[in-house]
PDB file of N, CA and C in Angstrom:
ATOM      1  N   MET A   1      95.621 117.630  90.104  1.00  0.00           N
ATOM      2  CA  MET A   1      95.908 116.519  89.210  1.00  0.00           C
ATOM      3  C   MET A   1      95.148 115.302  89.504  1.00  0.00           C
ATOM      4  N   MET A   2      94.922 114.953  90.805  1.00  0.00           N
ATOM      5  CA  MET A   2      93.992 113.683  90.843  1.00  0.00           C
ATOM      6  C   MET A   2      92.661 113.900  90.486  1.00  0.00           C
ATOM      7  N   PHE A   3      92.069 115.064  90.769  1.00  0.00           N
ATOM      8  CA  PHE A   3      90.670 115.272  90.244  1.00  0.00           C
ATOM      9  C   PHE A   3      90.716 115.337  88.769  1.00  0.00           C
ATOM     10  N   MET A   4      91.567 116.089  88.004  1.00  0.00           N
ATOM     11  CA  MET A   4      91.521 116.311  86.632  1.00  0.00           C
ATOM     12  C   MET A   4      91.610 114.755  85.980  1.00  0.00           C
ATOM     13  N   ILE A   5      92.553 113.753  86.353  1.00  0.00           N
ATOM     14  CA  ILE A   5      92.571 112.649  85.801  1.00  0.00           C
ATOM     15  C   ILE A   5      91.367 111.833  86.062  1.00  0.00           C
ATOM     16  N   SER A   6      90.820 111.885  87.223  1.00  0.00           N
ATOM     17  CA  SER A   6      89.598 111.034  87.515  1.00  0.00           C
ATOM     18  C   SER A   6      88.351 111.583  86.853  1.00  0.00           C
ATOM     19  N   GLU A   7      88.419 112.841  86.538  1.00  0.00           N
ATOM     20  CA  GLU A   7      87.363 113.695  85.777  1.00  0.00           C
ATOM     21  C   GLU A   7      87.436 113.303  84.393  1.00  0.00           C
ATOM     22  N   VAL A   8      88.572 113.434  83.621  1.00  0.00           N
ATOM     23  CA  VAL A   8      88.857 113.309  82.146  1.00  0.00           C
ATOM     24  C   VAL A   8      88.639 111.814  81.774  1.00  0.00           C
ATOM     25  N   HIS A   9      89.146 110.960  82.478  1.00  0.00           N
ATOM     26  CA  HIS A   9      89.236 109.467  82.121  1.00  0.00           C
ATOM     27  C   HIS A   9      90.006 109.340  80.828  1.00  0.00           C
ATOM     28  N   PRO A  10      91.438 109.583  80.972  1.00  0.00           N
ATOM     29  CA  PRO A  10      92.103 109.454  79.814  1.00  0.00           C
ATOM     30  C   PRO A  10      92.646 107.970  79.593  1.00  0.00           C
ATOM     31  N   PHE A  11      92.425 107.067  80.468  1.00  0.00           N
ATOM     32  CA  PHE A  11      92.894 105.707  80.288  1.00  0.00           C
ATOM     33  C   PHE A  11      91.744 104.798  80.133  1.00  0.00           C
ATOM     34  N   ASN A  12      91.923 103.539  79.484  1.00  0.00           N
ATOM     35  CA  ASN A  12      90.865 102.542  79.409  1.00  0.00           C
ATOM     36  C   ASN A  12      90.632 101.957  80.668  1.00  0.00           C
ATOM     37  N   ASP A  13      91.661 101.818  81.609  1.00  0.00           N
ATOM     38  CA  ASP A  13      91.533 101.170  82.927  1.00  0.00           C
ATOM     39  C   ASP A  13      92.424 101.874  83.943  1.00  0.00           C
ATOM     40  N   GLY A  14      92.001 102.004  85.132  1.00  0.00           N
ATOM     41  CA  GLY A  14      92.947 102.296  86.154  1.00  0.00           C
ATOM     42  C   GLY A  14      92.950 103.883  86.356  1.00  0.00           C
ATOM     43  N   ASP A  15      91.926 104.559  85.892  1.00  0.00           N
ATOM     44  CA  ASP A  15      91.948 106.098  86.258  1.00  0.00           C
ATOM     45  C   ASP A  15      92.057 106.586  87.530  1.00  0.00           C
ATOM     46  N   GLY A  16      91.282 105.654  88.505  1.00  0.00           N
ATOM     47  CA  GLY A  16      91.325 106.069  89.916  1.00  0.00           C
ATOM     48  C   GLY A  16      92.841 105.770  90.492  1.00  0.00           C
ATOM     49  N   ARG A  17      93.391 104.667  90.171  1.00  0.00           N
ATOM     50  CA  ARG A  17      94.770 104.275  90.578  1.00  0.00           C
ATOM     51  C   ARG A  17      95.642 105.274  90.153  1.00  0.00           C
ATOM     52  N   ILE A  18      95.690 105.532  88.833  1.00  0.00           N
ATOM     53  CA  ILE A  18      96.887 106.477  88.204  1.00  0.00           C
ATOM     54  C   ILE A  18      96.552 107.948  88.849  1.00  0.00           C
ATOM     55  N   SER A  19      95.222 108.386  88.992  1.00  0.00           N
ATOM     56  CA  SER A  19      94.901 109.820  89.641  1.00  0.00           C
ATOM     57  C   SER A  19      95.499 109.705  90.931  1.00  0.00           C
ATOM     58  N   ARG A  20      95.583 108.744  91.755  1.00  0.00           N
ATOM     59  CA  ARG A  20      95.932 108.698  93.119  1.00  0.00           C
ATOM     60  C   ARG A  20      97.476 108.736  93.228  1.00  0.00           C
ATOM     61  N   ILE A  21      98.058 107.972  92.219  1.00  0.00           N
ATOM     62  CA  ILE A  21      99.583 107.971  92.060  1.00  0.00           C
ATOM     63  C   ILE A  21      99.987 109.453  91.789  1.00  0.00           C
ATOM     64  N   MET A  22      99.347 110.038  90.765  1.00  0.00           N
ATOM     65  CA  MET A  22      99.708 111.473  90.434  1.00  0.00           C
ATOM     66  C   MET A  22      99.596 112.424  91.558  1.00  0.00           C
ATOM     67  N   MET A  23      98.536 112.122  92.324  1.00  0.00           N
ATOM     68  CA  MET A  23      98.340 113.064  93.616  1.00  0.00           C
ATOM     69  C   MET A  23      99.576 112.711  94.694  1.00  0.00           C
ATOM     70  N   THR A  24      99.729 111.636  94.725  1.00  0.00           N
ATOM     71  CA  THR A  24     100.843 111.181  95.725  1.00  0.00           C
ATOM     72  C   THR A  24     102.326 111.709  95.092  1.00  0.00           C
ATOM     73  N   ALA A  25     102.644 111.826  93.811  1.00  0.00           N
ATOM     74  CA  ALA A  25     103.741 112.402  93.317  1.00  0.00           C
ATOM     75  C   ALA A  25     103.728 114.007  93.625  1.00  0.00           C
ATOM     76  N   GLU A  26     102.559 114.614  93.516  1.00  0.00           N
ATOM     77  CA  GLU A  26     102.528 116.021  93.709  1.00  0.00           C
ATOM     78  C   GLU A  26     102.887 116.203  95.145  1.00  0.00           C
ATOM     79  N   LEU A  27     102.173 115.454  96.003  1.00  0.00           N
ATOM     80  CA  LEU A  27     102.418 115.563  97.493  1.00  0.00           C
ATOM     81  C   LEU A  27     103.905 115.280  98.046  1.00  0.00           C
ATOM     82  N   VAL A  28     104.459 114.328  97.340  1.00  0.00           N
ATOM     83  CA  VAL A  28     105.864 113.911  97.502  1.00  0.00           C
ATOM     84  C   VAL A  28     106.749 115.217  97.203  1.00  0.00           C
ATOM     85  N   LYS A  29     106.461 115.757  95.908  1.00  0.00           N
ATOM     86  CA  LYS A  29     107.269 116.826  95.408  1.00  0.00           C
ATOM     87  C   LYS A  29     107.081 118.035  96.382  1.00  0.00           C
ATOM     88  N   ALA A  30     105.970 118.282  96.985  1.00  0.00           N
ATOM     89  CA  ALA A  30     105.683 119.408  98.004  1.00  0.00           C
ATOM     90  C   ALA A  30     106.084 119.000  99.363  1.00  0.00           C
ATOM     91  N   GLU A  31     106.714 117.784  99.578  1.00  0.00           N
ATOM     92  CA  GLU A  31     107.162 117.311 100.997  1.00  0.00           C
ATOM     93  C   GLU A  31     105.901 117.294 101.967  1.00  0.00           C
ATOM     94  N   GLN A  32     104.789 116.816 101.425  1.00  0.00           N
ATOM     95  CA  GLN A  32     103.674 116.674 102.115  1.00  0.00           C
ATOM     96  C   GLN A  32     103.311 115.231 102.547  1.00  0.00           C
ATOM     97  N   THR A  33     102.375 114.930 103.545  1.00  0.00           N
ATOM     98  CA  THR A  33     102.047 113.551 103.854  1.00  0.00           C
ATOM     99  C   THR A  33     101.207 112.929 102.550  1.00  0.00           C
ATOM    100  N   HIS A  34     101.473 111.722 102.343  1.00  0.00           N
ATOM    101  CA  HIS A  34     100.597 111.054 101.382  1.00  0.00           C
ATOM    102  C   HIS A  34      99.106 110.878 101.875  1.00  0.00           C
ATOM    103  N   ILE A  35      98.266 110.682 100.992  1.00  0.00           N
ATOM    104  CA  ILE A  35      96.981 110.566 101.393  1.00  0.00           C
ATOM    105  C   ILE A  35      96.527 109.172 101.272  1.00  0.00           C
ATOM    106  N   ILE A  36      95.931 108.540 102.419  1.00  0.00           N
ATOM    107  CA  ILE A  36      95.478 107.230 102.399  1.00  0.00           C
ATOM    108  C   ILE A  36      93.926 107.307 102.560  1.00  0.00           C
ATOM    109  N   VAL A  37      93.219 106.568 101.721  1.00  0.00           N
ATOM    110  CA  VAL A  37      91.606 106.418 101.854  1.00  0.00           C
ATOM    111  C   VAL A  37      91.346 105.217 102.552  1.00  0.00           C
ATOM    112  N   PRO A  38      90.956 105.114 103.971  1.00  0.00           N
ATOM    113  CA  PRO A  38      90.621 103.839 104.485  1.00  0.00           C
ATOM    114  C   PRO A  38      89.321 103.396 104.079  1.00  0.00           C
ATOM    115  N   THR A  39      89.000 102.100 103.977  1.00  0.00           N
ATOM    116  CA  THR A  39      87.748 101.658 103.759  1.00  0.00           C
ATOM    117  C   THR A  39      86.574 102.410 104.387  1.00  0.00           C
ATOM    118  N   VAL A  40      86.596 102.749 105.527  1.00  0.00           N
ATOM    119  CA  VAL A  40      85.492 103.373 106.345  1.00  0.00           C
ATOM    120  C   VAL A  40      85.111 104.846 105.620  1.00  0.00           C
ATOM    121  N   PHE A  41      86.024 105.483 104.894  1.00  0.00           N
ATOM    122  CA  PHE A  41      85.924 106.747 104.452  1.00  0.00           C
ATOM    123  C   PHE A  41      85.751 106.792 103.040  1.00  0.00           C
ATOM    124  N   ARG A  42      85.705 105.566 102.223  1.00  0.00           N
ATOM    125  CA  ARG A  42      85.729 105.669 100.894  1.00  0.00           C
ATOM    126  C   ARG A  42      84.458 106.222 100.165  1.00  0.00           C
ATOM    127  N   GLU A  43      83.194 105.888 100.876  1.00  0.00           N
ATOM    128  CA  GLU A  43      82.106 106.679 100.312  1.00  0.00           C
ATOM    129  C   GLU A  43      81.966 108.310 100.418  1.00  0.00           C
ATOM    130  N   ASP A  44      82.708 108.772 101.559  1.00  0.00           N
ATOM    131  CA  ASP A  44      82.671 110.102 101.587  1.00  0.00           C
ATOM    132  C   ASP A  44      83.697 110.741 100.454  1.00  0.00           C
ATOM    133  N   TYR A  45      84.759 110.029 100.255  1.00  0.00           N
ATOM    134  CA  TYR A  45      85.644 110.350  99.328  1.00  0.00           C
ATOM    135  C   TYR A  45      84.957 110.382  97.913  1.00  0.00           C
ATOM    136  N   ILE A  46      84.261 109.329  97.583  1.00  0.00           N
ATOM    137  CA  ILE A  46      83.716 109.287  96.123  1.00  0.00           C
ATOM    138  C   ILE A  46      82.567 110.321  96.102  1.00  0.00           C
ATOM    139  N   LEU A  47      81.639 110.412  97.239  1.00  0.00           N
ATOM    140  CA  LEU A  47      80.884 111.385  97.189  1.00  0.00           C
ATOM    141  C   LEU A  47      81.266 112.870  97.032  1.00  0.00           C
ATOM    142  N   ALA A  48      82.370 113.200  97.560  1.00  0.00           N
ATOM    143  CA  ALA A  48      82.945 114.481  97.345  1.00  0.00           C
ATOM    144  C   ALA A  48      83.438 114.661  95.964  1.00  0.00           C
ATOM    145  N   LEU A  49      83.998 113.654  95.620  1.00  0.00           N
ATOM    146  CA  LEU A  49      84.591 113.718  94.019  1.00  0.00           C
ATOM    147  C   LEU A  49      83.413 113.991  92.995  1.00  0.00           C
ATOM    148  N   ARG A  50      82.212 113.211  93.505  1.00  0.00           N
ATOM    149  CA  ARG A  50      81.029 113.317  92.575  1.00  0.00           C
ATOM    150  C   ARG A  50      80.341 114.602  92.669  1.00  0.00           C
ATOM    151  N   LYS A  51      80.376 115.345  93.902  1.00  0.00           N
ATOM    152  CA  LYS A  51      79.702 116.696  94.235  1.00  0.00           C
ATOM    153  C   LYS A  51      80.562 117.559  93.386  1.00  0.00           C
ATOM    154  N   LEU A  52      81.971 117.420  93.312  1.00  0.00           N
ATOM    155  CA  LEU A  52      82.849 118.440  92.767  1.00  0.00           C
ATOM    156  C   LEU A  52      82.457 118.238  91.157  1.00  0.00           C
ATOM    157  N   THR A  53      82.235 117.191  90.614  1.00  0.00           N
ATOM    158  CA  THR A  53      81.954 117.026  89.224  1.00  0.00           C
ATOM    159  C   THR A  53      80.788 117.522  88.792  1.00  0.00           C
ATOM    160  N   ARG A  54      79.727 117.298  89.645  1.00  0.00           N
ATOM    161  CA  ARG A  54      78.378 117.689  89.398  1.00  0.00           C
ATOM    162  C   ARG A  54      77.852 119.078  89.656  1.00  0.00           C
ATOM    163  N   GLN A  55      78.467 119.449  90.870  1.00  0.00           N
ATOM    164  CA  GLN A  55      77.939 120.751  91.230  1.00  0.00           C
ATOM    165  C   GLN A  55      79.113 121.923  91.083  1.00  0.00           C
ATOM    166  N   LYS A  56      80.338 121.442  90.674  1.00  0.00           N
ATOM    167  CA  LYS A  56      81.445 122.441  90.541  1.00  0.00           C
ATOM    168  C   LYS A  56      81.625 123.107  91.806  1.00  0.00           C
ATOM    169  N   ASP A  57      81.588 122.513  93.030  1.00  0.00           N
ATOM    170  CA  ASP A  57      81.965 122.967  94.265  1.00  0.00           C
ATOM    171  C   ASP A  57      83.002 122.409  95.021  1.00  0.00           C
ATOM    172  N   PRO A  58      84.197 122.831  95.011  1.00  0.00           N
ATOM    173  CA  PRO A  58      85.292 122.151  95.631  1.00  0.00           C
ATOM    174  C   PRO A  58      85.293 122.021  97.146  1.00  0.00           C
ATOM    175  N   SER A  59      84.447 122.780  97.819  1.00  0.00           N
ATOM    176  CA  SER A  59      84.666 122.827  99.236  1.00  0.00           C
ATOM    177  C   SER A  59      84.538 121.429  99.919  1.00  0.00           C
ATOM    178  N   THR A  60      83.663 120.629  99.536  1.00  0.00           N
ATOM    179  CA  THR A  60      83.467 119.345 100.207  1.00  0.00           C
ATOM    180  C   THR A  60      84.647 118.461  99.860  1.00  0.00           C
ATOM    181  N   TYR A  61      85.158 118.452  98.630  1.00  0.00           N
ATOM    182  CA  TYR A  61      86.342 117.698  98.392  1.00  0.00           C
ATOM    183  C   TYR A  61      87.552 118.267  99.013  1.00  0.00           C
ATOM    184  N   ILE A  62      87.819 119.489  99.238  1.00  0.00           N
ATOM    185  CA  ILE A  62      88.798 119.996 100.015  1.00  0.00           C
ATOM    186  C   ILE A  62      88.728 119.600 101.305  1.00  0.00           C
ATOM    187  N   ASN A  63      87.643 119.623 102.073  1.00  0.00           N
ATOM    188  CA  ASN A  63      87.335 119.301 103.307  1.00  0.00           C
ATOM    189  C   ASN A  63      87.782 117.798 103.586  1.00  0.00           C
ATOM    190  N   VAL A  64      87.182 116.890 102.627  1.00  0.00           N
ATOM    191  CA  VAL A  64      87.481 115.516 102.697  1.00  0.00           C
ATOM    192  C   VAL A  64      89.099 115.310 102.543  1.00  0.00           C
ATOM    193  N   MET A  65      89.714 115.857 101.589  1.00  0.00           N
ATOM    194  CA  MET A  65      91.130 115.691 101.457  1.00  0.00           C
ATOM    195  C   MET A  65      91.901 116.106 102.545  1.00  0.00           C
ATOM    196  N   VAL A  66      91.574 117.293 103.377  1.00  0.00           N
ATOM    197  CA  VAL A  66      92.233 117.705 104.465  1.00  0.00           C
ATOM    198  C   VAL A  66      91.969 116.663 105.556  1.00  0.00           C
ATOM    199  N   LYS A  67      90.876 116.157 105.742  1.00  0.00           N
ATOM    200  CA  LYS A  67      90.729 115.155 106.798  1.00  0.00           C
ATOM    201  C   LYS A  67      91.460 113.836 106.522  1.00  0.00           C
ATOM    202  N   LEU A  68      91.624 113.438 105.358  1.00  0.00           N
ATOM    203  CA  LEU A  68      92.294 112.362 104.872  1.00  0.00           C
ATOM    204  C   LEU A  68      93.939 112.623 105.227  1.00  0.00           C
ATOM    205  N   GLN A  69      94.406 113.735 104.917  1.00  0.00           N
ATOM    206  CA  GLN A  69      95.609 114.053 104.945  1.00  0.00           C
ATOM    207  C   GLN A  69      96.152 114.025 106.460  1.00  0.00           C
ATOM    208  N   LYS A  70      95.096 114.506 107.369  1.00  0.00           N
ATOM    209  CA  LYS A  70      95.281 114.482 108.737  1.00  0.00           C
ATOM    210  C   LYS A  70      95.391 113.212 109.401  1.00  0.00           C
ATOM    211  N   PHE A  71      94.463 112.247 108.826  1.00  0.00           N
ATOM    212  CA  PHE A  71      94.421 110.846 109.169  1.00  0.00           C
ATOM    213  C   PHE A  71      95.735 110.282 108.750  1.00  0.00           C
ATOM    214  N   SER A  72      96.175 110.387 107.607  1.00  0.00           N
ATOM    215  CA  SER A  72      97.319 109.784 106.925  1.00  0.00           C
ATOM    216  C   SER A  72      98.589 110.440 107.689  1.00  0.00           C
ATOM    217  N   ASP A  73      98.575 111.444 108.156  1.00  0.00           N
ATOM    218  CA  ASP A  73      99.897 111.924 108.830  1.00  0.00           C
ATOM    219  C   ASP A  73     100.114 111.170 110.032  1.00  0.00           C
ATOM    220  N   ASN A  74      99.008 110.382 110.632  1.00  0.00           N
ATOM    221  CA  ASN A  74      99.403 109.754 111.905  1.00  0.00           C
ATOM    222  C   ASN A  74      99.784 108.360 111.622  1.00  0.00           C
ATOM    223  N   LEU A  75      99.821 108.031 110.343  1.00  0.00           N
ATOM    224  CA  LEU A  75     100.381 106.542 109.920  1.00  0.00           C
ATOM    225  C   LEU A  75     101.897 106.474 109.915  1.00  0.00           C
ATOM    226  N   TYR A  76     102.613 106.244 110.835  1.00  0.00           N
ATOM    227  CA  TYR A  76     103.880 106.153 110.952  1.00  0.00           C
ATOM    228  C   TYR A  76     104.462 105.202 111.916  1.00  0.00           C
ATOM    229  N   GLY A  77     105.682 104.956 111.971  1.00  0.00           N
ATOM    230  CA  GLY A  77     106.385 104.023 112.736  1.00  0.00           C
ATOM    231  C   GLY A  77     106.646 102.730 112.056  1.00  0.00           C
ATOM    232  N   SER A  78     107.461 101.773 112.777  1.00  0.00           N
ATOM    233  CA  SER A  78     107.936 100.500 112.380  1.00  0.00           C
ATOM    234  C   SER A  78     107.382  99.401 112.918  1.00  0.00           C
ATOM    235  N   ASN A  79     106.502  99.613 113.888  1.00  0.00           N
ATOM    236  CA  ASN A  79     105.888  98.468 114.577  1.00  0.00           C
ATOM    237  C   ASN A  79     104.530  98.184 113.991  1.00  0.00           C
ATOM    238  N   PHE A  80     104.488  97.010 113.099  1.00  0.00           N
ATOM    239  CA  PHE A  80     103.230  96.728 112.463  1.00  0.00           C
ATOM    240  C   PHE A  80     102.054  96.572 113.221  1.00  0.00           C
ATOM    241  N   ILE A  81     102.361  95.730 114.433  1.00  0.00           N
ATOM    242  CA  ILE A  81     101.152  95.419 115.255  1.00  0.00           C
ATOM    243  C   ILE A  81     100.529  96.829 115.815  1.00  0.00           C
ATOM    244  N   GLU A  82     101.353  97.675 116.282  1.00  0.00           N
ATOM    245  CA  GLU A  82     101.041  99.098 116.661  1.00  0.00           C
ATOM    246  C   GLU A  82     100.179  99.807 115.741  1.00  0.00           C
ATOM    247  N   LEU A  83     100.796  99.856 114.520  1.00  0.00           N
ATOM    248  CA  LEU A  83      99.998 100.616 113.459  1.00  0.00           C
ATOM    249  C   LEU A  83      98.586  99.871 113.034  1.00  0.00           C
ATOM    250  N   LYS A  84      98.635  98.607 113.001  1.00  0.00           N
ATOM    251  CA  LYS A  84      97.408  97.777 112.751  1.00  0.00           C
ATOM    252  C   LYS A  84      96.427  98.218 113.958  1.00  0.00           C
ATOM    253  N   GLU A  85      96.754  98.193 115.195  1.00  0.00           N
ATOM    254  CA  GLU A  85      95.924  98.466 116.376  1.00  0.00           C
ATOM    255  C   GLU A  85      95.404  99.934 116.287  1.00  0.00           C
ATOM    256  N   TYR A  86      96.393 100.870 115.887  1.00  0.00           N
ATOM    257  CA  TYR A  86      95.826 102.420 115.503  1.00  0.00           C
ATOM    258  C   TYR A  86      94.781 102.318 114.416  1.00  0.00           C
ATOM    259  N   LEU A  87      94.993 101.631 113.354  1.00  0.00           N
ATOM    260  CA  LEU A  87      94.087 101.640 112.163  1.00  0.00           C
ATOM    261  C   LEU A  87      92.651 101.037 112.775  1.00  0.00           C
ATOM    262  N   ARG A  88      92.705 100.021 113.502  1.00  0.00           N
ATOM    263  CA  ARG A  88      91.602  99.468 114.066  1.00  0.00           C
ATOM    264  C   ARG A  88      90.849 100.451 114.963  1.00  0.00           C
ATOM    265  N   ALA A  89      91.500 101.208 115.843  1.00  0.00           N
ATOM    266  CA  ALA A  89      90.979 102.174 116.716  1.00  0.00           C
ATOM    267  C   ALA A  89      90.306 103.319 116.073  1.00  0.00           C
ATOM    268  N   CYS A  90      90.754 103.648 114.728  1.00  0.00           N
ATOM    269  CA  CYS A  90      90.298 104.666 114.003  1.00  0.00           C
ATOM    270  C   CYS A  90      89.042 104.225 113.120  1.00  0.00           C
ATOM    271  N   ASN A  91      88.768 102.929 113.188  1.00  0.00           N
ATOM    272  CA  ASN A  91      87.686 102.320 112.423  1.00  0.00           C
ATOM    273  C   ASN A  91      88.070 102.205 110.918  1.00  0.00           C
ATOM    274  N   ALA A  92      89.331 102.294 110.571  1.00  0.00           N
ATOM    275  CA  ALA A  92      89.767 102.348 109.134  1.00  0.00           C
ATOM    276  C   ALA A  92      89.339 101.042 108.285  1.00  0.00           C
ATOM    277  N   TYR A  93      89.317  99.904 109.066  1.00  0.00           N
ATOM    278  CA  TYR A  93      88.932  98.691 108.305  1.00  0.00           C
ATOM    279  C   TYR A  93      87.311  98.451 108.186  1.00  0.00           C
ATOM    280  N   GLU A  94      86.629  99.249 108.951  1.00  0.00           N
ATOM    281  CA  GLU A  94      85.335  99.206 108.910  1.00  0.00           C
ATOM    282  C   GLU A  94      84.484  99.563 107.560  1.00  0.00           C
ATOM    283  N   GLU A  95      83.244  99.015 107.474  1.00  0.00           N
ATOM    284  CA  GLU A  95      82.633  99.481 106.246  1.00  0.00           C
ATOM    285  C   GLU A  95      81.942 100.796 106.621  1.00  0.00           C
ATOM    286  N   PRO A  96      81.687 101.540 105.513  1.00  0.00           N
ATOM    287  CA  PRO A  96      81.108 102.968 105.848  1.00  0.00           C
ATOM    288  C   PRO A  96      79.843 103.107 106.565  1.00  0.00           C
ATOM    289  N   THR A  97      79.052 101.872 106.346  1.00  0.00           N
ATOM    290  CA  THR A  97      77.758 101.947 106.997  1.00  0.00           C
ATOM    291  C   THR A  97      77.840 101.510 108.368  1.00  0.00           C
ATOM    292  N   GLN A  98      78.850 100.852 108.769  1.00  0.00           N
ATOM    293  CA  GLN A  98      79.120 100.397 110.236  1.00  0.00           C
ATOM    294  C   GLN A  98      79.834 101.384 111.248  1.00  0.00           C
ATOM    295  N   ALA A  99      80.512 102.417 110.574  1.00  0.00           N
ATOM    296  CA  ALA A  99      81.281 103.243 111.731  1.00  0.00           C
ATOM    297  C   ALA A  99      81.674 104.487 110.868  1.00  0.00           C
ATOM    298  N   LYS A 100      82.276 105.289 111.689  1.00  0.00           N
ATOM    299  CA  LYS A 100      82.856 106.609 111.096  1.00  0.00           C
ATOM    300  C   LYS A 100      84.366 106.613 111.298  1.00  0.00           C
ATOM    301  N   LEU A 101      85.172 107.329 110.584  1.00  0.00           N
ATOM    302  CA  LEU A 101      86.525 107.508 110.665  1.00  0.00           C
ATOM    303  C   LEU A 101      86.737 108.446 111.930  1.00  0.00           C
ATOM    304  N   GLU A 102      87.763 107.884 112.780  1.00  0.00           N
ATOM    305  CA  GLU A 102      88.119 108.520 113.882  1.00  0.00           C
ATOM    306  C   GLU A 102      89.546 108.933 113.846  1.00  0.00           C
ATOM    307  N   ILE A 103      89.912 110.134 113.890  1.00  0.00           N
ATOM    308  CA  ILE A 103      91.334 110.448 113.996  1.00  0.00           C
ATOM    309  C   ILE A 103      91.872 110.735 115.192  1.00  0.00           C
ATOM    310  N   ILE A 104      92.850 109.879 115.532  1.00  0.00           N
ATOM    311  CA  ILE A 104      93.362 109.916 116.775  1.00  0.00           C
ATOM    312  C   ILE A 104      94.887 110.425 116.599  1.00  0.00           C
ATOM    313  N   ASP A 105      95.191 111.556 117.220  1.00  0.00           N
ATOM    314  CA  ASP A 105      96.635 111.951 117.152  1.00  0.00           C
ATOM    315  C   ASP A 105      97.709 110.983 117.810  1.00  0.00           C
ATOM    316  N   ARG A 106      98.488 110.593 117.161  1.00  0.00           N
ATOM    317  CA  ARG A 106      99.666 109.739 117.729  1.00  0.00           C
ATOM    318  C   ARG A 106     100.911 110.534 118.099  1.00  0.00           C
ATOM    319  N   VAL A 107     101.464 110.194 119.086  1.00  0.00           N
ATOM    320  CA  VAL A 107     102.779 110.765 119.477  1.00  0.00           C
ATOM    321  C   VAL A 107     103.875 109.702 119.860  1.00  0.00           C
ATOM    322  N   ILE A 108     104.943 109.415 119.105  1.00  0.00           N
ATOM    323  CA  ILE A 108     105.912 108.510 119.513  1.00  0.00           C
ATOM    324  C   ILE A 108     107.270 109.223 120.065  1.00  0.00           C
TER     325      ILE A 108
END
């Protein structure tokens, strides 16, 4: 659903936001973890979408989405400071040219 909306561009504005909302709705329906795209990984995400569009090869896109879902699955808890530190440790706030996304498994 997410790829279809971003590919077809059915709206004048907000295709990316609407496509991610639709993806989240499908994940919620399937009782799966929502997918968050941190700043540090946005270029990988966009390049994977572009590759799927131009080369009709979904493998990179699927790998990126699996990685993002694994990262997002670790975003839980009620302590904002602890979660913010976790995001910092994963390089989530960094620019893609400055760092790589680190997935650190959390256990509470």
